[in-house]
C-alpha atoms as a PDB file:
ATOM      1  CA  UNK A   1     272.724 -28.638  20.412  1.00  0.00           C
ATOM      2  CA  UNK A   2     273.568 -32.195  21.294  1.00  0.00           C
ATOM      3  CA  UNK A   3     273.379 -32.305  25.069  1.00  0.00           C
ATOM      4  CA  UNK A   4     270.159 -33.172  26.843  1.00  0.00           C
ATOM      5  CA  UNK A   5     269.939 -29.883  28.751  1.00  0.00           C
ATOM      6  CA  UNK A   6     270.120 -27.813  25.551  1.00  0.00           C
ATOM      7  CA  UNK A   7     267.450 -29.904  23.867  1.00  0.00           C
ATOM      8  CA  UNK A   8     265.194 -29.728  26.923  1.00  0.00           C
ATOM      9  CA  UNK A   9     265.630 -25.933  27.199  1.00  0.00           C
ATOM     10  CA  UNK A  10     264.794 -25.487  23.514  1.00  0.00           C
ATOM     11  CA  UNK A  11     261.699 -27.687  23.737  1.00  0.00           C
ATOM     12  CA  UNK A  12     260.497 -25.841  26.843  1.00  0.00           C
ATOM     13  CA  UNK A  13     261.026 -22.512  25.096  1.00  0.00           C
ATOM     14  CA  UNK A  14     259.051 -23.722  22.082  1.00  0.00           C
ATOM     15  CA  UNK A  15     256.219 -25.142  24.202  1.00  0.00           C
ATOM     16  CA  UNK A  16     254.538 -21.728  24.389  1.00  0.00           C
ATOM     17  CA  UNK A  17     252.204 -20.647  21.562  1.00  0.00           C
ATOM     18  CA  UNK A  18     253.416 -17.070  22.084  1.00  0.00           C
ATOM     19  CA  UNK A  19     257.058 -18.044  21.630  1.00  0.00           C
ATOM     20  CA  UNK A  20     256.227 -20.194  18.613  1.00  0.00           C
ATOM     21  CA  UNK A  21     254.486 -17.184  17.080  1.00  0.00           C
ATOM     22  CA  UNK A  22     257.535 -15.011  17.737  1.00  0.00           C
ATOM     23  CA  UNK A  23     259.791 -17.576  16.068  1.00  0.00           C
ATOM     24  CA  UNK A  24     257.493 -17.642  13.040  1.00  0.00           C
ATOM     25  CA  UNK A  25     257.528 -13.842  12.774  1.00  0.00           C
ATOM     26  CA  UNK A  26     261.321 -13.747  13.088  1.00  0.00           C
ATOM     27  CA  UNK A  27     261.683 -16.239  10.229  1.00  0.00           C
ATOM     28  CA  UNK A  28     260.621 -13.458   7.827  1.00  0.00           C
ATOM     29  CA  UNK A  29     260.930 -10.187   9.742  1.00  0.00           C
ATOM     30  CA  UNK A  30     260.322  -7.929   6.734  1.00  0.00           C
ATOM     31  CA  UNK A  31     256.919  -9.541   6.207  1.00  0.00           C
ATOM     32  CA  UNK A  32     255.872  -9.077   9.832  1.00  0.00           C
ATOM     33  CA  UNK A  33     257.496  -5.874  11.110  1.00  0.00           C
ATOM     34  CA  UNK A  34     257.807  -2.303   9.851  1.00  0.00           C
ATOM     35  CA  UNK A  35     261.189  -0.800   8.989  1.00  0.00           C
ATOM     36  CA  UNK A  36     263.224   0.212  12.019  1.00  0.00           C
ATOM     37  CA  UNK A  37     265.046   3.462  12.636  1.00  0.00           C
ATOM     38  CA  UNK A  38     268.014   1.586  14.136  1.00  0.00           C
ATOM     39  CA  UNK A  39     269.254  -1.764  12.907  1.00  0.00           C
ATOM     40  CA  UNK A  40     268.355  -3.830   9.876  1.00  0.00           C
ATOM     41  CA  UNK A  41     265.458  -6.255  10.383  1.00  0.00           C
ATOM     42  CA  UNK A  42     267.336  -9.143   8.779  1.00  0.00           C
ATOM     43  CA  UNK A  43     270.961  -8.413   9.671  1.00  0.00           C
ATOM     44  CA  UNK A  44     270.495  -7.102  13.212  1.00  0.00           C
ATOM     45  CA  UNK A  45     267.133  -8.568  14.186  1.00  0.00           C
ATOM     46  CA  UNK A  46     263.865  -7.069  15.364  1.00  0.00           C
ATOM     47  CA  UNK A  47     263.689  -4.524  18.176  1.00  0.00           C
ATOM     48  CA  UNK A  48     261.987  -5.908  21.269  1.00  0.00           C
ATOM     49  CA  UNK A  49     259.663  -2.882  21.183  1.00  0.00           C
ATOM     50  CA  UNK A  50     258.235  -4.006  17.822  1.00  0.00           C
ATOM     51  CA  UNK A  51     257.822  -7.571  19.094  1.00  0.00           C
ATOM     52  CA  UNK A  52     256.107  -6.274  22.235  1.00  0.00           C
ATOM     53  CA  UNK A  53     253.688  -4.111  20.227  1.00  0.00           C
ATOM     54  CA  UNK A  54     252.833  -6.935  17.822  1.00  0.00           C
ATOM     55  CA  UNK A  55     252.201  -9.347  20.706  1.00  0.00           C
ATOM     56  CA  UNK A  56     249.985  -6.859  22.508  1.00  0.00           C
ATOM     57  CA  UNK A  57     251.684  -7.732  25.783  1.00  0.00           C
ATOM     58  CA  UNK A  58     253.423  -5.629  28.391  1.00  0.00           C
ATOM     59  CA  UNK A  59     257.125  -5.006  27.887  1.00  0.00           C
ATOM     60  CA  UNK A  60     258.094  -7.162  30.908  1.00  0.00           C
ATOM     61  CA  UNK A  61     255.992 -10.087  29.587  1.00  0.00           C
ATOM     62  CA  UNK A  62     257.499  -9.844  26.119  1.00  0.00           C
ATOM     63  CA  UNK A  63     260.988  -9.649  27.630  1.00  0.00           C
ATOM     64  CA  UNK A  64     260.387 -12.850  29.606  1.00  0.00           C
ATOM     65  CA  UNK A  65     259.442 -14.658  26.389  1.00  0.00           C
ATOM     66  CA  UNK A  66     262.483 -13.292  24.551  1.00  0.00           C
ATOM     67  CA  UNK A  67     264.844 -14.162  27.402  1.00  0.00           C
ATOM     68  CA  UNK A  68     263.563 -17.721  27.405  1.00  0.00           C
ATOM     69  CA  UNK A  69     264.153 -18.037  23.647  1.00  0.00           C
ATOM     70  CA  UNK A  70     267.606 -16.477  24.025  1.00  0.00           C
ATOM     71  CA  UNK A  71     268.421 -18.719  26.992  1.00  0.00           C
ATOM     72  CA  UNK A  72     267.622 -21.722  24.819  1.00  0.00           C
ATOM     73  CA  UNK A  73     269.927 -20.282  22.127  1.00  0.00           C
ATOM     74  CA  UNK A  74     267.051 -20.110  19.619  1.00  0.00           C
ATOM     75  CA  UNK A  75     267.441 -16.356  19.153  1.00  0.00           C
ATOM     76  CA  UNK A  76     270.432 -14.063  19.475  1.00  0.00           C
ATOM     77  CA  UNK A  77     270.107 -10.738  21.264  1.00  0.00           C
ATOM     78  CA  UNK A  78     272.018  -7.692  20.029  1.00  0.00           C
ATOM     79  CA  UNK A  79     272.085  -4.333  21.784  1.00  0.00           C
ATOM     80  CA  UNK A  80     271.910  -1.266  19.567  1.00  0.00           C
ATOM     81  CA  UNK A  81     271.813   2.034  21.428  1.00  0.00           C
ATOM     82  CA  UNK A  82     269.152   1.644  24.146  1.00  0.00           C
ATOM     83  CA  UNK A  83     267.278  -1.329  22.638  1.00  0.00           C
ATOM     84  CA  UNK A  84     267.752  -5.061  22.263  1.00  0.00           C
ATOM     85  CA  UNK A  85     267.203  -6.641  18.858  1.00  0.00           C
ATOM     86  CA  UNK A  86     266.483 -10.332  18.347  1.00  0.00           C
ATOM     87  CA  UNK A  87     267.367 -12.562  15.416  1.00  0.00           C
ATOM     88  CA  UNK A  88     266.743 -16.281  14.954  1.00  0.00           C
ATOM     89  CA  UNK A  89     269.761 -18.532  15.511  1.00  0.00           C
ATOM     90  CA  UNK A  90     269.312 -20.648  12.400  1.00  0.00           C
ATOM     91  CA  UNK A  91     272.334 -22.827  13.150  1.00  0.00           C
ATOM     92  CA  UNK A  92     270.980 -23.827  16.575  1.00  0.00           C
ATOM     93  CA  UNK A  93     267.489 -24.392  15.133  1.00  0.00           C
ATOM     94  CA  UNK A  94     268.904 -26.655  12.417  1.00  0.00           C
ATOM     95  CA  UNK A  95     270.933 -28.569  15.005  1.00  0.00           C
ATOM     96  CA  UNK A  96     267.834 -29.053  17.174  1.00  0.00           C
ATOM     97  CA  UNK A  97     265.882 -30.337  14.179  1.00  0.00           C
ATOM     98  CA  UNK A  98     268.652 -32.822  13.358  1.00  0.00           C
ATOM     99  CA  UNK A  99     268.849 -34.068  16.944  1.00  0.00           C
ATOM    100  CA  UNK A 100     265.093 -34.511  17.159  1.00  0.00           C
ATOM    101  CA  UNK A 101     265.033 -36.371  13.855  1.00  0.00           C
ATOM    102  CA  UNK A 102     267.541 -38.869  15.299  1.00  0.00           C
ATOM    103  CA  UNK A 103     265.571 -39.384  18.492  1.00  0.00           C
ATOM    104  CA  UNK A 104     261.907 -39.167  17.594  1.00  0.00           C
END
């Protein structure tokens, strides 16, 4: 995550308290979400339906937040059956932290 556009996209994605909360929840999904019928919380990520319910937002609103995080490469989407599951992209997060440490 070295180029300016990637850093800017990540910072914009993290500028929302809602998206910051999602990232915190996804850091330890077992502590914040119930077991899923499909997909492992840690290996596959959290179903967008669980994220939506926990946020208390409409499905379209939650999807906009998740698409922004995915567009910034901070989470990785994975389709299982009819649902999309999201998992933190720890490598990209670490890279962003390193870049910011050099610049700030």
